Each structure stands twice: as structure tokens, then as C-alpha cells.
Amino acid sequence: MKNLIDFFQKKGLIFKKFEPVDLKKYGIRKRVSVFNALTVDNKYMLIIFTSRKSRVLVKDAQSYEEVSELLSKSFSHGFKKKILITDAPVCAKAQSLLKSINWRIEIASL
């Protein structure tokens, strides 16, 4: 988690609140880390971090959006920004799908 915070500080983002989300509580068994963050200017961000060897496909992108919608309902607030951080390549179709629904994709090895 410290690596993620350092990563965002280099990008110029500072958070008031940065907490992990327990996906098991929502019945989701994914091998991703999900964080609910609140920026200094009071904007909620959803951050999904995944470390894998295989590329991110369209079905993965759709599941990330489903997680986003589920957490929006659960936390009773929307997310101003949604960010996917991965060290794997992203399929072109998945990338265009995520960008069309306002996701930001960061490829970084943390």
C-alpha cells in the first residue's frame, strides 16, 4: 500500500483517506486489491491494483466495472475517478472499453 501512495504522490495526488476494500465481504473472489480513496479536494476515487502475467482482457474490464458499480451502491457515493493499475499489458479492446466508461489505466510495476 505504501508503494501505491508513493506512486500517486509522484503523480501529484494526495489523499485524505486511503483504505483497502475487503472484497470477500461482498462475495467477490478476485485476485485484485481494491482501494477507496478520498482526495484533498473531496473527490472519491476507486483504485484497482492487479499484478499478473497475462494480459487484461475485455471480460476482466467488465468485471472491474461490475465491482465499481457494486461498491458505488454499497458506499452510497459515486466515484469521480476510477483507476486501474496493472503491470500486465492491456488488450486493445479492453483498453477502449475502459476508456469509454471513464477509467484511467496506469501500467506500472510496483
Protein backbone atom coordinates (compact mmCIF):
# COMPACT_ATOMS: atom_id res chain seq x y z
CA MET A 1 0.00 0.00 0.00
CA LYS A 2 2.91 2.33 0.71
CA ASN A 3 4.12 1.79 -2.86
CA LEU A 4 0.76 2.89 -4.21
CA ILE A 5 0.72 6.04 -2.11
CA ASP A 6 4.25 6.90 -3.26
CA PHE A 7 3.18 6.23 -6.86
CA PHE A 8 0.32 8.71 -6.56
CA GLN A 9 2.43 11.31 -4.80
CA LYS A 10 4.78 11.29 -7.78
CA LYS A 11 1.71 11.89 -9.97
CA GLY A 12 0.68 14.81 -7.76
CA LEU A 13 -2.28 13.18 -5.98
CA ILE A 14 -2.54 13.41 -2.21
CA PHE A 15 -5.23 11.60 -0.26
CA LYS A 16 -7.05 12.41 2.95
CA LYS A 17 -8.26 8.85 3.24
CA PHE A 18 -6.89 5.73 1.55
CA GLU A 19 -8.37 2.44 2.72
CA PRO A 20 -8.46 -1.07 1.29
CA VAL A 21 -11.80 -2.68 0.48
CA ASP A 22 -12.44 -6.26 1.60
CA LEU A 23 -13.92 -7.93 -1.47
CA LYS A 24 -14.79 -11.12 0.43
CA LYS A 25 -17.33 -9.08 2.35
CA TYR A 26 -19.15 -8.52 -0.95
CA GLY A 27 -18.82 -12.11 -2.15
CA ILE A 28 -16.16 -11.33 -4.76
CA ARG A 29 -13.15 -13.59 -5.13
CA LYS A 30 -10.80 -11.75 -7.41
CA ARG A 31 -7.06 -11.56 -7.16
CA VAL A 32 -7.01 -7.79 -7.14
CA SER A 33 -6.54 -5.15 -4.49
CA VAL A 34 -9.24 -2.51 -4.34
CA PHE A 35 -8.90 0.82 -2.55
CA ASN A 36 -11.39 3.54 -1.71
CA ALA A 37 -9.60 6.90 -1.65
CA LEU A 38 -10.66 10.44 -0.84
CA THR A 39 -8.54 13.22 -2.33
CA VAL A 40 -7.74 16.50 -0.63
CA ASP A 41 -10.37 18.26 -2.77
CA ASN A 42 -13.07 15.76 -1.57
CA LYS A 43 -13.34 13.57 -4.66
CA TYR A 44 -13.78 9.83 -4.23
CA MET A 45 -11.56 7.56 -6.28
CA LEU A 46 -11.72 3.82 -6.85
CA ILE A 47 -8.31 2.26 -7.37
CA ILE A 48 -7.93 -1.32 -8.56
CA PHE A 49 -4.43 -2.79 -8.48
CA THR A 50 -3.68 -6.08 -10.15
CA SER A 51 -0.39 -7.86 -10.62
CA ARG A 52 -0.48 -10.64 -13.17
CA LYS A 53 1.46 -12.10 -16.05
CA SER A 54 -1.34 -12.50 -18.58
CA ARG A 55 -2.92 -9.54 -20.29
CA VAL A 56 -6.07 -7.78 -19.11
CA LEU A 57 -8.95 -8.88 -21.35
CA VAL A 58 -12.42 -7.49 -22.02
CA LYS A 59 -14.03 -9.87 -19.51
CA ASP A 60 -11.65 -8.54 -16.84
CA ALA A 61 -12.55 -4.96 -17.75
CA GLN A 62 -16.25 -5.78 -17.47
CA SER A 63 -15.74 -7.39 -14.07
CA TYR A 64 -13.85 -4.30 -12.83
CA GLU A 65 -16.80 -2.13 -13.87
CA GLU A 66 -19.19 -4.50 -12.07
CA VAL A 67 -17.08 -4.18 -8.92
CA SER A 68 -17.19 -0.41 -9.32
CA GLU A 69 -20.98 -0.36 -9.57
CA LEU A 70 -21.36 -2.71 -6.60
CA LEU A 71 -19.08 -0.58 -4.42
CA SER A 72 -20.82 2.64 -5.51
CA LYS A 73 -24.12 1.24 -4.25
CA SER A 74 -22.53 -0.15 -1.09
CA PHE A 75 -20.71 3.06 -0.11
CA SER A 76 -23.70 5.20 -1.22
CA HIS A 77 -21.47 7.55 -3.18
CA GLY A 78 -20.15 7.57 -6.71
CA PHE A 79 -16.53 7.61 -7.72
CA LYS A 80 -15.27 10.71 -9.52
CA LYS A 81 -12.28 8.81 -10.90
CA LYS A 82 -11.66 5.11 -11.42
CA ILE A 83 -8.10 3.94 -11.92
CA LEU A 84 -6.75 0.54 -12.93
CA ILE A 85 -3.10 -0.04 -12.09
CA THR A 86 -1.55 -3.13 -13.59
CA ASP A 87 1.84 -4.42 -14.62
CA ALA A 88 0.39 -6.59 -17.38
CA PRO A 89 -0.35 -5.49 -20.92
CA VAL A 90 -3.94 -4.44 -21.60
CA CYS A 91 -5.84 -5.77 -24.60
CA ALA A 92 -6.77 -3.01 -27.08
CA LYS A 93 -10.49 -3.81 -26.86
CA ALA A 94 -10.36 -3.80 -23.06
CA GLN A 95 -8.49 -0.51 -23.10
CA SER A 96 -11.05 1.14 -25.38
CA LEU A 97 -13.91 -0.24 -23.25
CA LEU A 98 -12.41 1.10 -20.03
CA LYS A 99 -11.65 4.49 -21.55
CA SER A 100 -15.20 4.76 -22.90
CA ILE A 101 -16.58 4.32 -19.36
CA ASN A 102 -14.13 6.86 -17.89
CA TRP A 103 -11.45 4.60 -16.41
CA ARG A 104 -7.81 5.64 -16.33
CA ILE A 105 -5.24 2.92 -16.97
CA GLU A 106 -1.78 3.10 -15.45
CA ILE A 107 0.81 0.48 -16.34
CA ALA A 108 3.39 0.32 -13.57
CA SER A 109 5.29 -2.35 -11.70
CA LEU A 110 5.03 -1.64 -8.00
